[in-house]
Amino acid sequence: METDQIHILLIVAVLAIIILILLLFTRKSEKKRLTPLAGLAFAFIIAGVGFGENRLLGYGLFGTGIILAIVDIIIKNRKDKEEK
């Protein structure tokens, strides 16, 4: 295995462990569904990992995913403030 493949495998393993921990320790009443925008952001970030060999494309996908995640956070915060 090349070092790039080992890094990708390590990143996927860490993400899987984080998801497992979150699933085990979150209460069922507190679970919130992933918004479509957050899901799209997550997909862009995973695609950035997949296309990591082409730096321009990989970094572009990462950047797009991060921007979408930030927009989703801002939208959620505004909705929470309006409800209060």
C-alpha atoms as a PDB file:
ATOM      1  CA  MET A   1       0.000   0.000   0.000  1.00  0.00           C
ATOM      2  CA  GLU A   2       1.142   3.491  -0.756  1.00  0.00           C
ATOM      3  CA  THR A   3       1.233   6.161   1.924  1.00  0.00           C
ATOM      4  CA  ASP A   4      -1.698   8.028   0.334  1.00  0.00           C
ATOM      5  CA  GLN A   5      -3.866   4.947   0.560  1.00  0.00           C
ATOM      6  CA  ILE A   6      -2.834   4.401   4.172  1.00  0.00           C
ATOM      7  CA  HIS A   7      -3.773   8.008   5.018  1.00  0.00           C
ATOM      8  CA  ILE A   8      -7.182   7.656   3.377  1.00  0.00           C
ATOM      9  CA  LEU A   9      -7.785   4.357   5.168  1.00  0.00           C
ATOM     10  CA  LEU A  10      -6.777   5.950   8.468  1.00  0.00           C
ATOM     11  CA  ILE A  11      -9.116   8.929   7.915  1.00  0.00           C
ATOM     12  CA  VAL A  12     -12.039   6.638   7.089  1.00  0.00           C
ATOM     13  CA  ALA A  13     -11.320   4.528  10.199  1.00  0.00           C
ATOM     14  CA  VAL A  14     -11.214   7.608  12.444  1.00  0.00           C
ATOM     15  CA  LEU A  15     -14.495   8.891  10.960  1.00  0.00           C
ATOM     16  CA  ALA A  16     -16.103   5.487  11.550  1.00  0.00           C
ATOM     17  CA  ILE A  17     -14.942   5.492  15.181  1.00  0.00           C
ATOM     18  CA  ILE A  18     -16.289   9.018  15.719  1.00  0.00           C
ATOM     19  CA  ILE A  19     -19.662   8.046  14.237  1.00  0.00           C
ATOM     20  CA  LEU A  20     -19.787   4.932  16.420  1.00  0.00           C
ATOM     21  CA  ILE A  21     -19.020   6.949  19.547  1.00  0.00           C
ATOM     22  CA  LEU A  22     -21.677   9.513  18.659  1.00  0.00           C
ATOM     23  CA  LEU A  23     -24.254   6.802  18.053  1.00  0.00           C
ATOM     24  CA  LEU A  24     -23.500   5.106  21.359  1.00  0.00           C
ATOM     25  CA  PHE A  25     -23.463   8.184  23.568  1.00  0.00           C
ATOM     26  CA  THR A  26     -26.254  10.336  22.194  1.00  0.00           C
ATOM     27  CA  ARG A  27     -29.640  10.016  23.775  1.00  0.00           C
ATOM     28  CA  LYS A  28     -32.452   8.954  21.512  1.00  0.00           C
ATOM     29  CA  SER A  29     -34.572  11.969  22.418  1.00  0.00           C
ATOM     30  CA  GLU A  30     -31.713  14.324  21.508  1.00  0.00           C
ATOM     31  CA  LYS A  31     -31.020  12.871  18.075  1.00  0.00           C
ATOM     32  CA  LYS A  32     -31.336  15.392  15.309  1.00  0.00           C
ATOM     33  CA  ARG A  33     -31.560  14.388  11.705  1.00  0.00           C
ATOM     34  CA  LEU A  34     -28.950  15.547   9.266  1.00  0.00           C
ATOM     35  CA  THR A  35     -30.211  18.383   7.108  1.00  0.00           C
ATOM     36  CA  PRO A  36     -29.993  17.977   3.341  1.00  0.00           C
ATOM     37  CA  LEU A  37     -27.437  20.787   3.165  1.00  0.00           C
ATOM     38  CA  ALA A  38     -25.265  19.151   5.829  1.00  0.00           C
ATOM     39  CA  GLY A  39     -25.511  15.833   3.990  1.00  0.00           C
ATOM     40  CA  LEU A  40     -24.418  17.491   0.773  1.00  0.00           C
ATOM     41  CA  ALA A  41     -21.498  19.137   2.599  1.00  0.00           C
ATOM     42  CA  PHE A  42     -20.479  15.761   4.006  1.00  0.00           C
ATOM     43  CA  ALA A  43     -20.663  14.203   0.537  1.00  0.00           C
ATOM     44  CA  PHE A  44     -18.412  16.931  -0.898  1.00  0.00           C
ATOM     45  CA  ILE A  45     -15.846  16.369   1.846  1.00  0.00           C
ATOM     46  CA  ILE A  46     -15.843  12.601   1.304  1.00  0.00           C
ATOM     47  CA  ALA A  47     -15.491  13.190  -2.447  1.00  0.00           C
ATOM     48  CA  GLY A  48     -12.536  15.466  -1.681  1.00  0.00           C
ATOM     49  CA  VAL A  49     -10.886  12.557   0.108  1.00  0.00           C
ATOM     50  CA  GLY A  50     -11.640  10.280  -2.828  1.00  0.00           C
ATOM     51  CA  PHE A  51     -10.191  12.697  -5.367  1.00  0.00           C
ATOM     52  CA  GLY A  52      -7.197  13.574  -3.213  1.00  0.00           C
ATOM     53  CA  GLU A  53      -4.698  12.610  -5.895  1.00  0.00           C
ATOM     54  CA  ASN A  54      -5.825  15.521  -8.058  1.00  0.00           C
ATOM     55  CA  ARG A  55      -5.051  18.351  -5.647  1.00  0.00           C
ATOM     56  CA  LEU A  56      -7.028  21.062  -7.398  1.00  0.00           C
ATOM     57  CA  LEU A  57     -10.183  18.964  -7.556  1.00  0.00           C
ATOM     58  CA  GLY A  58      -9.718  17.491  -4.068  1.00  0.00           C
ATOM     59  CA  TYR A  59      -9.142  20.843  -2.373  1.00  0.00           C
ATOM     60  CA  GLY A  60     -12.004  22.372  -4.335  1.00  0.00           C
ATOM     61  CA  LEU A  61     -14.370  19.668  -3.100  1.00  0.00           C
ATOM     62  CA  PHE A  62     -13.110  20.094   0.471  1.00  0.00           C
ATOM     63  CA  GLY A  63     -13.619  23.853   0.278  1.00  0.00           C
ATOM     64  CA  THR A  64     -17.111  23.485  -1.141  1.00  0.00           C
ATOM     65  CA  GLY A  65     -18.035  21.047   1.627  1.00  0.00           C
ATOM     66  CA  ILE A  66     -16.723  23.346   4.333  1.00  0.00           C
ATOM     67  CA  ILE A  67     -18.555  26.359   2.909  1.00  0.00           C
ATOM     68  CA  LEU A  68     -21.819  24.387   2.726  1.00  0.00           C
ATOM     69  CA  ALA A  69     -21.357  23.199   6.316  1.00  0.00           C
ATOM     70  CA  ILE A  70     -20.795  26.771   7.519  1.00  0.00           C
ATOM     71  CA  VAL A  71     -23.904  27.971   5.650  1.00  0.00           C
ATOM     72  CA  ASP A  72     -25.899  25.151   7.263  1.00  0.00           C
ATOM     73  CA  ILE A  73     -24.658  26.144  10.725  1.00  0.00           C
ATOM     74  CA  ILE A  74     -25.631  29.772  10.134  1.00  0.00           C
ATOM     75  CA  ILE A  75     -29.108  28.772   8.931  1.00  0.00           C
ATOM     76  CA  LYS A  76     -29.632  26.527  11.978  1.00  0.00           C
ATOM     77  CA  ASN A  77     -28.512  29.268  14.361  1.00  0.00           C
ATOM     78  CA  ARG A  78     -30.908  31.788  12.809  1.00  0.00           C
ATOM     79  CA  LYS A  79     -33.810  29.341  13.051  1.00  0.00           C
ATOM     80  CA  ASP A  80     -32.982  28.575  16.703  1.00  0.00           C
ATOM     81  CA  LYS A  81     -32.872  32.288  17.557  1.00  0.00           C
ATOM     82  CA  GLU A  82     -36.217  32.888  15.848  1.00  0.00           C
ATOM     83  CA  GLU A  83     -37.851  30.054  17.825  1.00  0.00           C
ATOM     84  CA  LYS A  84     -36.724  31.500  21.155  1.00  0.00           C
END
